[in-house]
Every structure is written in structure tokens, then in C-alpha cells.
Amino acid sequence: MTPRSRELTVRALARVEGEGRINVTVRGDRAERVELSIYEPPRFFESFLRGRHFLEPPDITSRICGICPVAYQVSACNAIEQACGLELDDALTDLRRLLYCGEWIASHVLHIYFLHAPDFLGMPDSIALARHDRAAVERGLMLKKAGNAILDLIGGRPIHPVNVRIGGFHRVPTRAELTPLSDQLHAVLDQAVATVRWVSSFDFPDIELDHDFLALHDDSYYAIENGTIWSSTGLRCTADEFPKHVVERQVPHSTALHAELDGRRYLTGPLARYSLNSSQLVGGAAKTATEAGLGAQCRNPYRSIVVRAVEVVYAVEEALRIIDRYQRPAAPFIAGSPARTIGHGVSEAPRGLLYHRYEVDPIGLISAATIIPPTSQNQAAIEHDLRHVVDSHLMLPDDELTTLCERTIRNYDPCISCATHFLTLTVDRR
């Protein structure tokens, strides 16, 4: 007797950034095929960068994503600055970290309130959520506005900031200009704490991941804009050594590459950051994490929404700490030119570790570029978890199981447009 087959398909994922679908084939009592199929056309940014001046990558790569442009700018700056042998002073480093805090707030809040929370509340979208709980959505909008305000002041505008450059910024704010921003952040801090309490009250399925975690670490504070690469299995390496451990490969069903860490699947992003660095949370972020019951590690992908909310509290408090001690830098940037032919850079995008590598020729032009975004690094883990969900819920009818699959994908807040970079093309002429 042929085992019963079931085909589950989500042709266009909702409430994620970019274009993708889910294809699942169930045969008998197991999932035979599970694919997160990313069909958005590749965007070829690595190719666009070839032949460009070494000062241009921050502006060009920021266009990869309208949700996390700062991550691309900062990883690009870290890579080119390494090639130039530049080390930013404390004041410029603080400003870059402040800008990144703005992106974390804006991106996390967008995901929490408008993309993910409806799943836990049995609602189709944030419009329905607003009808049901207007105060919650207004709280999210206040927080999003505060994150955008940081991006606007420090970055020049909230989407695709224009004030970032190699070595620092085109212009740095005065202390007086930061005062209204400080007032706005103080006003939303309670809203950030309330967000943690709100999402921690959701009903979470009981599941634990066994993936290797990969994230940045800094001995001084919770890593955001730079750091050493750590894994939960003991790897410790620099950005230069990242390509020795992370290898990408193409799969037939996706325009985004999959990645492996020393031959294993792995996960980067909020769960990895928190699980490797939770002891470095301070103040309200540490308190709310404890109150939410996160513990020293969190391996439940459905509780990633809680970790993101805790990181919003941390980003608001960290932004306030930076503003409080701010002294305007003597110069907005440190100039330099490439002293090395290759530079590597990493930072913690809201969705996880983002790696850039640039080769620079003797006249200062980019000869090769590699960008490995977090969503492509997470794809193998996402598909593995999707398979587990399907195998564990085969008793559900097709429509309910399909909905559960889509909900599972949203745990990871995939940024699909970030992940579609290039394809290997083989031409067979006969």
C-alpha cells in the first residue's frame, strides 16, 4: 500500500520582509520534503560593488534593506576600516553604537507589534490587533517613532541613512541636539518595559532547539556594533577567521544561499545573542529578562519575541547611557586609505550576525565583495525546525498545519531581500 501523501504550500509568506513560500510534502508519518523556497530575484550587490571606490560601500550596501540599513553600513565600515588600519575613538564608537540602538529599537518593534504578535493573539494582522487592543499598537508606534528619531538625528534620515561614512560620520551632533532625543527615550522606556511584560504573557509552545548558536561577544558590554565571534560549542574567532568556519552553498529551491558552521547547521540572531551574552545585560533589561523567565539561555524559538522585547529595553537604556556621557568628537571622522588588500567586518543586525569582506586594489577600488546576511545563515535551521513542527503535528488538518508552518517561519523574522544576493549559473549549450 502506498503511504498517504499530503502537499502543503504557502505560495506567498505573509508578515515577513521579502518574497518566499513554503513547500512541504508529507508521506505517511513523516515530512519527506520541507523547503523555505525563496523566489525573490537575486540582487547582485556584491557585483555592484566591484569597481567602486573604497569609501562607497556604506552608502551602497545600506540599500540592501530598508529595515536594517545601519547593520549593512556598520559591517561595511568595520571591514573597510580594518583594511585601512583605522581605529575610531571612544566618542565616534559611541555614536555608531547609538545609531545601531536606533535600528534595533525600530526593527524589533516592527517585528513584535506588527508582524509577530498577531500570531499569538489569534489575529490575522496588526489591523485586527489595533481594533482589539488599540493601546498596545499605540505603544508600539511610540517606540518605533523613538527608534526612527535616533536614526534621523545620527544617520541623517530613518531609512537608508546618509550621514555614515568610513571612519565615522559626515557630521556629528552637538550635545544640545541630543537633549530632545534623550527626553523622547525617557518617555518610552516604560513602554519598552511594558512590551516585555505583554509578550511574556503569550502562550508559547514547548519546544527546545539543539542548533549551535553563533553571535558576537564583547567583554565590555552586550555586543551590537562589533565584537569577537562566539559559538555555543566553544568557537572563538575574529572576523578574519569567519570564512574558515562558515561556508555557503547553493540549494535548488532558493535564490539565497545556505550556510554551515564547521559543517553543521546553526542559528544566529536574538536567541543566539541572548544565550551567549545574557550575563552582560544590565539595568532594566536584566530585570525584565528575569521577570519574563528567560533564564541564562533561551532555546525556544517562539520565545524569541520575548528576547527581542528585552533587547528593546536594553537599546533604549544603552542609548540613554551614551547620550548622558556624550562629548562631541573633535572631528566627525578619521581619514585613512587602505593599507591592506582585504578587510573583514561583522556586526549584530537585529536578525543576527552580518559579515562583510572586501578586497581593495592598489588604487582604492573594490575588486571583490562578499556579504553573508543572517537570514541566509539561518535558512538550514529554519527548515530543520519546520520539519520538526510538521512531524510533531501530523494529526492537524491541512489548513491548520499550513498555518502553523507559516507561524513557525515568522519566529525567525526572516529578511528575505537581504538574503538574495547571487546564484551560480551553468549554461549547457548543445
Protein backbone atom coordinates (compact mmCIF):
# COMPACT_ATOMS: atom_id res chain seq x y z
CA MET A 1 0.00 0.00 0.00
CA THR A 2 1.37 3.44 -0.94
CA PRO A 3 1.64 5.77 2.10
CA ARG A 4 -0.79 8.66 2.05
CA SER A 5 0.75 11.85 0.63
CA ARG A 6 -0.06 15.42 1.64
CA GLU A 7 1.15 18.58 -0.07
CA LEU A 8 1.23 21.80 1.96
CA THR A 9 2.05 25.06 0.21
CA VAL A 10 2.15 28.69 1.25
CA ARG A 11 2.66 30.49 -2.06
CA ALA A 12 3.48 33.87 -0.53
CA LEU A 13 4.57 34.23 3.09
CA ALA A 14 2.74 36.98 4.94
CA ARG A 15 4.16 39.33 7.58
CA VAL A 16 7.79 38.77 6.64
CA GLU A 17 10.08 41.02 4.63
CA GLY A 18 10.52 39.82 1.06
CA GLU A 19 9.09 37.10 -1.16
CA GLY A 20 9.12 33.44 -0.23
CA ARG A 21 6.95 30.38 0.05
CA ILE A 22 6.80 27.10 1.95
CA ASN A 23 6.67 23.71 0.21
CA VAL A 24 6.04 20.63 2.36
CA THR A 25 5.46 17.07 1.22
CA VAL A 26 4.27 14.57 3.82
CA ARG A 27 4.41 10.88 3.01
CA GLY A 28 2.98 8.53 5.57
CA ASP A 29 4.06 9.56 9.07
CA ARG A 30 6.89 11.95 8.24
CA ALA A 31 7.78 15.06 6.27
CA GLU A 32 9.61 13.94 3.15
CA ARG A 33 10.32 17.41 1.76
CA VAL A 34 10.46 20.71 3.66
CA GLU A 35 11.58 23.83 1.82
CA LEU A 36 11.67 27.51 2.62
CA SER A 37 11.64 28.47 -1.04
CA ILE A 38 12.93 31.99 -1.60
CA TYR A 39 11.98 33.05 -5.11
CA GLU A 40 12.69 36.78 -4.88
CA PRO A 41 15.11 37.66 -7.71
CA PRO A 42 18.77 37.88 -6.70
CA ARG A 43 20.00 41.44 -6.30
CA PHE A 44 23.73 41.11 -7.12
CA PHE A 45 25.04 43.68 -4.61
CA GLU A 46 28.46 42.04 -4.48
CA SER A 47 28.72 42.61 -8.23
CA PHE A 48 27.53 46.22 -7.95
CA LEU A 49 30.36 46.91 -5.51
CA ARG A 50 33.15 45.82 -7.86
CA GLY A 51 34.97 48.77 -9.28
CA ARG A 52 33.54 51.22 -6.73
CA HIS A 53 35.73 53.44 -4.55
CA PHE A 54 36.53 52.05 -1.10
CA LEU A 55 34.54 54.86 0.56
CA GLU A 56 31.29 53.85 -1.20
CA PRO A 57 30.23 50.51 0.38
CA PRO A 58 28.40 52.05 3.38
CA ASP A 59 26.09 54.03 1.09
CA ILE A 60 25.61 51.24 -1.47
CA THR A 61 25.04 48.38 0.99
CA SER A 62 22.55 50.38 3.07
CA ARG A 63 20.17 50.00 0.11
CA ILE A 64 20.09 46.23 0.59
CA CYS A 65 17.47 46.65 3.31
CA GLY A 66 15.10 49.41 4.39
CA ILE A 67 14.60 47.77 7.80
CA CYS A 68 18.23 47.18 8.81
CA PRO A 69 20.35 49.56 6.67
CA VAL A 70 22.58 50.54 9.60
CA ALA A 71 23.72 46.94 10.02
CA TYR A 72 24.99 46.92 6.44
CA GLN A 73 26.66 50.29 6.85
CA VAL A 74 28.41 49.31 10.07
CA SER A 75 29.64 45.91 8.89
CA ALA A 76 30.92 47.60 5.72
CA CYS A 77 32.65 50.31 7.76
CA ASN A 78 34.21 47.73 10.08
CA ALA A 79 35.61 45.81 7.11
CA ILE A 80 36.99 48.82 5.22
CA GLU A 81 38.35 50.40 8.40
CA GLN A 82 40.19 47.18 9.16
CA ALA A 83 41.75 47.34 5.69
CA CYS A 84 42.69 50.98 6.35
CA GLY A 85 44.03 50.27 9.83
CA LEU A 86 41.62 52.80 11.35
CA GLU A 87 40.52 52.68 14.97
CA LEU A 88 37.70 55.01 15.96
CA ASP A 89 38.00 56.97 19.18
CA ASP A 90 35.53 56.35 22.01
CA ALA A 91 33.23 59.24 21.08
CA LEU A 92 32.79 58.09 17.47
CA THR A 93 32.37 54.48 18.59
CA ASP A 94 29.64 55.62 20.99
CA LEU A 95 27.83 57.47 18.21
CA ARG A 96 27.94 54.43 15.96
CA ARG A 97 26.57 52.29 18.78
CA LEU A 98 23.85 54.87 19.44
CA LEU A 99 22.82 54.77 15.78
CA TYR A 100 22.69 50.97 15.93
CA CYS A 101 20.49 51.15 19.05
CA GLY A 102 18.02 53.15 16.99
CA GLU A 103 17.92 50.40 14.37
CA TRP A 104 17.44 47.67 16.98
CA ILE A 105 14.52 49.56 18.51
CA ALA A 106 12.83 50.31 15.19
CA SER A 107 13.33 46.83 13.70
CA HIS A 108 12.46 44.81 16.80
CA VAL A 109 9.33 46.87 17.48
CA LEU A 110 8.18 46.47 13.87
CA HIS A 111 8.53 42.70 14.20
CA ILE A 112 7.00 42.41 17.68
CA TYR A 113 3.89 44.53 17.23
CA PHE A 114 3.13 44.41 13.54
CA LEU A 115 4.45 41.08 12.25
CA HIS A 116 4.62 38.55 15.08
CA ALA A 117 2.25 39.39 17.97
CA PRO A 118 -0.91 38.69 15.91
CA ASP A 119 0.17 35.01 15.72
CA PHE A 120 -0.05 34.64 19.49
CA LEU A 121 -3.34 36.51 19.78
CA GLY A 122 -5.23 34.63 17.10
CA MET A 123 -5.45 37.60 14.75
CA PRO A 124 -4.70 37.85 11.04
CA ASP A 125 -2.72 41.08 11.17
CA SER A 126 -1.90 44.27 13.07
CA ILE A 127 -5.04 46.00 11.76
CA ALA A 128 -7.15 43.46 13.62
CA LEU A 129 -4.86 43.86 16.63
CA ALA A 130 -5.42 47.61 16.61
CA ARG A 131 -9.18 47.08 16.67
CA HIS A 132 -8.81 44.65 19.58
CA ASP A 133 -6.09 46.43 21.59
CA ARG A 134 -5.53 49.98 20.38
CA ALA A 135 -3.32 50.83 23.36
CA ALA A 136 -0.86 48.06 22.50
CA VAL A 137 -0.46 49.22 18.90
CA GLU A 138 -0.07 52.84 20.01
CA ARG A 139 2.65 51.70 22.42
CA GLY A 140 4.43 50.03 19.51
CA LEU A 141 4.13 53.16 17.37
CA MET A 142 5.63 55.31 20.14
CA LEU A 143 8.61 53.00 20.42
CA LYS A 144 9.07 52.78 16.66
CA LYS A 145 9.00 56.58 16.46
CA ALA A 146 11.75 56.81 19.11
CA GLY A 147 13.96 54.39 17.18
CA ASN A 148 13.38 56.36 13.99
CA ALA A 149 14.28 59.59 15.81
CA ILE A 150 17.73 58.20 16.63
CA LEU A 151 18.23 57.12 13.02
CA ASP A 152 17.09 60.52 11.79
CA LEU A 153 19.33 62.58 14.06
CA ILE A 154 22.50 60.48 13.90
CA GLY A 155 22.05 58.92 10.47
CA GLY A 156 20.51 61.84 8.61
CA ARG A 157 17.24 60.04 7.87
CA PRO A 158 15.45 56.95 9.24
CA ILE A 159 15.63 54.84 6.05
CA HIS A 160 18.94 54.36 4.21
CA PRO A 161 20.84 56.86 6.42
CA VAL A 162 23.19 59.20 4.58
CA ASN A 163 25.41 60.51 7.41
CA VAL A 164 27.53 57.36 7.90
CA ARG A 165 30.96 57.15 6.31
CA ILE A 166 34.21 55.24 6.64
CA GLY A 167 35.96 56.47 9.77
CA GLY A 168 32.87 57.96 11.41
CA PHE A 169 30.23 60.39 10.17
CA HIS A 170 29.92 63.32 7.79
CA ARG A 171 28.58 65.38 10.69
CA VAL A 172 28.27 64.73 14.43
CA PRO A 173 25.52 66.26 16.61
CA THR A 174 26.03 68.79 19.34
CA ARG A 175 25.15 67.85 22.89
CA ALA A 176 22.20 70.25 22.77
CA GLU A 177 20.80 68.43 19.73
CA LEU A 178 20.71 65.19 21.73
CA THR A 179 18.62 66.64 24.56
CA PRO A 180 15.20 66.27 22.86
CA LEU A 181 16.19 62.74 21.85
CA SER A 182 17.00 61.92 25.47
CA ASP A 183 13.63 63.26 26.57
CA GLN A 184 11.87 61.11 23.95
CA LEU A 185 13.74 57.97 25.02
CA HIS A 186 13.00 58.57 28.70
CA ALA A 187 9.32 58.89 27.75
CA VAL A 188 9.21 55.48 26.04
CA LEU A 189 11.33 53.46 28.49
CA ASP A 190 8.26 52.41 30.45
CA GLN A 191 6.63 51.42 27.15
CA ALA A 192 9.59 49.17 26.39
CA VAL A 193 9.33 47.50 29.81
CA ALA A 194 5.57 47.10 29.29
CA THR A 195 6.29 45.40 25.96
CA VAL A 196 8.35 42.69 27.70
CA ARG A 197 5.55 42.07 30.19
CA TRP A 198 2.99 41.98 27.39
CA VAL A 199 4.76 39.47 25.16
CA SER A 200 5.90 37.29 28.08
CA SER A 201 2.21 36.70 28.87
CA PHE A 202 1.64 35.00 25.50
CA ASP A 203 1.09 31.25 25.30
CA PHE A 204 4.25 29.60 23.95
CA PRO A 205 4.52 26.06 22.56
CA ASP A 206 7.00 23.93 24.46
CA ILE A 207 9.99 23.35 22.17
CA GLU A 208 13.78 23.47 22.57
CA LEU A 209 16.29 23.92 19.73
CA ASP A 210 19.50 21.92 19.52
CA HIS A 211 21.24 24.17 16.98
CA ASP A 212 24.67 25.62 17.51
CA PHE A 213 24.33 29.32 18.32
CA LEU A 214 26.58 31.95 16.74
CA ALA A 215 26.80 35.58 17.85
CA LEU A 216 29.22 38.37 18.65
CA HIS A 217 30.67 38.88 22.11
CA ASP A 218 32.40 41.82 23.72
CA ASP A 219 33.85 41.65 27.22
CA SER A 220 32.78 45.25 27.91
CA TYR A 221 29.07 45.09 27.09
CA TYR A 222 26.27 43.32 25.20
CA ALA A 223 27.70 43.15 21.67
CA ILE A 224 25.98 45.19 18.96
CA GLU A 225 28.22 47.06 16.55
CA ASN A 226 31.33 44.86 16.76
CA GLY A 227 32.91 42.03 18.69
CA THR A 228 34.52 38.61 18.69
CA ILE A 229 32.63 35.71 17.11
CA TRP A 230 31.47 33.12 19.64
CA SER A 231 29.53 29.88 19.29
CA SER A 232 27.73 27.80 21.89
CA THR A 233 30.06 24.88 21.15
CA GLY A 234 33.17 26.82 22.10
CA LEU A 235 34.31 28.51 18.89
CA ARG A 236 36.10 31.81 19.46
CA CYS A 237 37.33 33.65 16.38
CA THR A 238 37.79 37.06 14.77
CA ALA A 239 36.02 38.43 11.70
CA ASP A 240 39.08 37.46 9.62
CA GLU A 241 38.57 33.82 10.57
CA PHE A 242 34.82 33.74 9.81
CA PRO A 243 35.28 32.31 6.27
CA LYS A 244 37.29 29.40 7.68
CA HIS A 245 34.29 28.26 9.69
CA VAL A 246 31.21 29.41 7.75
CA VAL A 247 30.76 28.01 4.26
CA GLU A 248 27.85 28.87 1.94
CA ARG A 249 26.26 26.55 -0.60
CA GLN A 250 23.51 26.91 -3.14
CA VAL A 251 20.30 24.88 -2.91
CA PRO A 252 17.96 24.33 -5.87
CA HIS A 253 14.85 25.81 -4.25
CA SER A 254 16.21 29.20 -3.12
CA THR A 255 17.80 32.32 -4.56
CA ALA A 256 19.52 32.70 -1.20
CA LEU A 257 22.47 30.60 -0.15
CA HIS A 258 22.52 28.26 2.84
CA ALA A 259 25.42 28.32 5.30
CA GLU A 260 27.05 25.80 7.60
CA LEU A 261 29.28 26.37 10.63
CA ASP A 262 32.11 23.82 10.56
CA GLY A 263 29.78 21.51 8.63
CA ARG A 264 26.81 21.93 10.99
CA ARG A 265 23.58 23.90 10.85
CA TYR A 266 23.47 26.84 13.23
CA LEU A 267 21.38 29.80 14.26
CA THR A 268 22.26 33.44 14.64
CA GLY A 269 20.02 36.23 15.95
CA PRO A 270 18.26 37.12 19.21
CA LEU A 271 18.25 33.61 20.72
CA ALA A 272 21.96 33.21 19.99
CA ARG A 273 22.85 36.69 21.25
CA TYR A 274 20.92 36.28 24.46
CA SER A 275 22.07 32.73 25.17
CA LEU A 276 25.74 33.65 24.72
CA ASN A 277 25.63 37.09 26.37
CA SER A 278 22.72 37.23 28.83
CA SER A 279 25.07 37.81 31.76
CA GLN A 280 26.04 41.16 30.19
CA LEU A 281 22.54 42.60 30.30
CA VAL A 282 22.24 45.35 32.90
CA GLY A 283 19.60 47.57 34.49
CA GLY A 284 16.02 47.24 33.33
CA ALA A 285 16.94 44.79 30.56
CA ALA A 286 18.38 42.30 33.07
CA LYS A 287 15.41 42.79 35.39
CA THR A 288 12.77 42.31 32.71
CA ALA A 289 14.57 39.23 31.36
CA THR A 290 14.42 37.68 34.82
CA GLU A 291 10.77 38.65 35.29
CA ALA A 292 9.94 37.12 31.89
CA GLY A 293 11.50 33.83 32.97
CA LEU A 294 14.10 33.67 30.22
CA GLY A 295 16.88 32.18 32.35
CA ALA A 296 20.54 32.18 31.33
CA GLN A 297 19.69 30.74 27.90
CA CYS A 298 16.61 30.67 25.69
CA ARG A 299 16.25 27.89 23.11
CA ASN A 300 12.52 28.16 22.45
CA PRO A 301 12.08 29.84 19.05
CA TYR A 302 8.57 31.02 19.94
CA ARG A 303 10.01 32.96 22.89
CA SER A 304 12.33 34.88 20.57
CA ILE A 305 9.69 37.63 20.66
CA VAL A 306 10.43 38.00 24.40
CA VAL A 307 14.17 38.23 23.76
CA ARG A 308 13.59 40.92 21.15
CA ALA A 309 11.49 42.88 23.63
CA VAL A 310 14.26 42.62 26.25
CA GLU A 311 16.74 43.88 23.63
CA VAL A 312 14.48 46.87 23.00
CA VAL A 313 14.71 47.74 26.71
CA TYR A 314 18.48 47.32 26.52
CA ALA A 315 18.76 49.50 23.40
CA VAL A 316 16.69 52.30 24.95
CA GLU A 317 18.74 52.24 28.16
CA GLU A 318 22.03 51.97 26.26
CA ALA A 319 21.06 54.92 24.06
CA LEU A 320 20.32 56.97 27.17
CA ARG A 321 23.67 56.00 28.73
CA ILE A 322 25.52 57.05 25.58
CA ILE A 323 23.69 60.37 25.37
CA ASP A 324 24.30 61.07 29.06
CA ARG A 325 28.09 60.74 28.69
CA TYR A 326 28.32 62.23 25.21
CA GLN A 327 31.12 64.63 24.38
CA ARG A 328 31.16 65.87 20.81
CA PRO A 329 34.14 64.40 18.92
CA ALA A 330 36.83 66.84 17.87
CA ALA A 331 36.39 65.67 14.28
CA PRO A 332 33.43 63.86 12.68
CA PHE A 333 35.62 61.17 11.12
CA ILE A 334 39.12 59.75 10.94
CA ALA A 335 40.55 59.70 7.43
CA GLY A 336 42.61 56.88 6.01
CA SER A 337 43.33 54.78 2.94
CA PRO A 338 43.66 51.01 2.55
CA ALA A 339 46.91 49.64 3.92
CA ARG A 340 45.79 46.03 3.47
CA THR A 341 44.22 44.45 0.43
CA ILE A 342 41.47 42.64 2.39
CA GLY A 343 39.19 43.76 5.21
CA HIS A 344 36.64 41.78 7.21
CA GLY A 345 33.80 43.23 9.28
CA VAL A 346 30.97 41.95 11.44
CA SER A 347 28.13 43.43 13.45
CA GLU A 348 24.88 42.24 15.05
CA ALA A 349 21.97 43.08 12.78
CA PRO A 350 18.58 42.73 14.51
CA ARG A 351 18.25 39.30 12.86
CA GLY A 352 21.80 38.17 13.65
CA LEU A 353 25.46 38.30 12.70
CA LEU A 354 26.20 40.11 9.44
CA TYR A 355 29.58 39.55 7.75
CA HIS A 356 31.28 41.67 5.07
CA ARG A 357 34.56 41.04 3.24
CA TYR A 358 36.17 43.43 0.75
CA GLU A 359 39.23 43.18 -1.45
CA VAL A 360 40.71 46.56 -2.38
CA ASP A 361 43.13 47.09 -5.28
CA PRO A 362 46.18 49.42 -5.21
CA ILE A 363 44.21 52.45 -6.46
CA GLY A 364 41.50 52.09 -3.82
CA LEU A 365 38.78 50.35 -5.83
CA ILE A 366 36.79 47.33 -4.62
CA SER A 367 37.85 44.28 -6.61
CA ALA A 368 35.70 41.71 -4.77
CA ALA A 369 32.99 41.73 -2.11
CA THR A 370 31.26 39.07 -0.02
CA ILE A 371 28.21 39.73 2.15
CA ILE A 372 26.70 36.98 4.30
CA PRO A 373 23.43 38.13 5.91
CA PRO A 374 21.81 36.44 8.91
CA THR A 375 18.73 35.14 7.10
CA SER A 376 20.78 33.03 4.68
CA GLN A 377 22.78 31.70 7.65
CA ASN A 378 19.54 30.73 9.39
CA GLN A 379 17.79 29.01 6.48
CA ALA A 380 19.00 25.48 7.18
CA ALA A 381 17.98 25.79 10.83
CA ILE A 382 14.58 27.21 9.85
CA GLU A 383 13.92 24.27 7.52
CA HIS A 384 15.05 21.80 10.20
CA ASP A 385 12.65 23.33 12.73
CA LEU A 386 9.85 23.39 10.17
CA ARG A 387 10.35 19.67 9.59
CA HIS A 388 10.14 19.03 13.34
CA VAL A 389 6.92 21.04 13.59
CA VAL A 390 5.33 19.13 10.70
CA ASP A 391 6.35 15.72 12.05
CA SER A 392 5.02 16.63 15.51
CA HIS A 393 1.64 17.88 14.29
CA LEU A 394 0.61 15.46 11.56
CA MET A 395 -2.73 14.96 13.31
CA LEU A 396 -3.76 18.51 12.31
CA PRO A 397 -5.83 19.07 9.17
CA ASP A 398 -4.00 20.61 6.21
CA ASP A 399 -5.20 24.17 6.74
CA GLU A 400 -4.21 24.24 10.43
CA LEU A 401 -0.84 22.60 9.78
CA THR A 402 -0.13 25.07 6.97
CA THR A 403 -0.92 27.99 9.27
CA LEU A 404 1.38 26.53 11.93
CA CYS A 405 4.19 26.25 9.37
CA GLU A 406 3.83 29.90 8.41
CA ARG A 407 3.78 30.91 12.06
CA THR A 408 6.97 28.92 12.63
CA ILE A 409 8.77 30.85 9.90
CA ARG A 410 7.82 34.17 11.49
CA ASN A 411 9.64 33.20 14.71
CA TYR A 412 12.88 33.97 12.88
CA ASP A 413 11.80 37.31 11.38
CA PRO A 414 13.43 36.43 8.05
CA CYS A 415 14.59 39.34 5.93
CA ILE A 416 14.36 37.66 2.56
CA SER A 417 15.50 40.60 0.42
CA CYS A 418 18.72 40.72 2.44
CA ALA A 419 19.41 37.08 1.69
CA THR A 420 19.05 37.10 -2.11
CA HIS A 421 22.45 38.05 -3.48
CA PHE A 422 23.66 35.82 -6.28
CA LEU A 423 23.29 32.47 -7.99
CA THR A 424 25.65 30.07 -9.71
CA LEU A 425 24.62 29.92 -13.37
CA THR A 426 25.51 26.95 -15.51
CA VAL A 427 24.93 27.23 -19.26
CA ASP A 428 24.69 23.95 -21.16
CA ARG A 429 24.92 24.61 -24.92
CA ARG A 430 24.14 21.72 -27.24
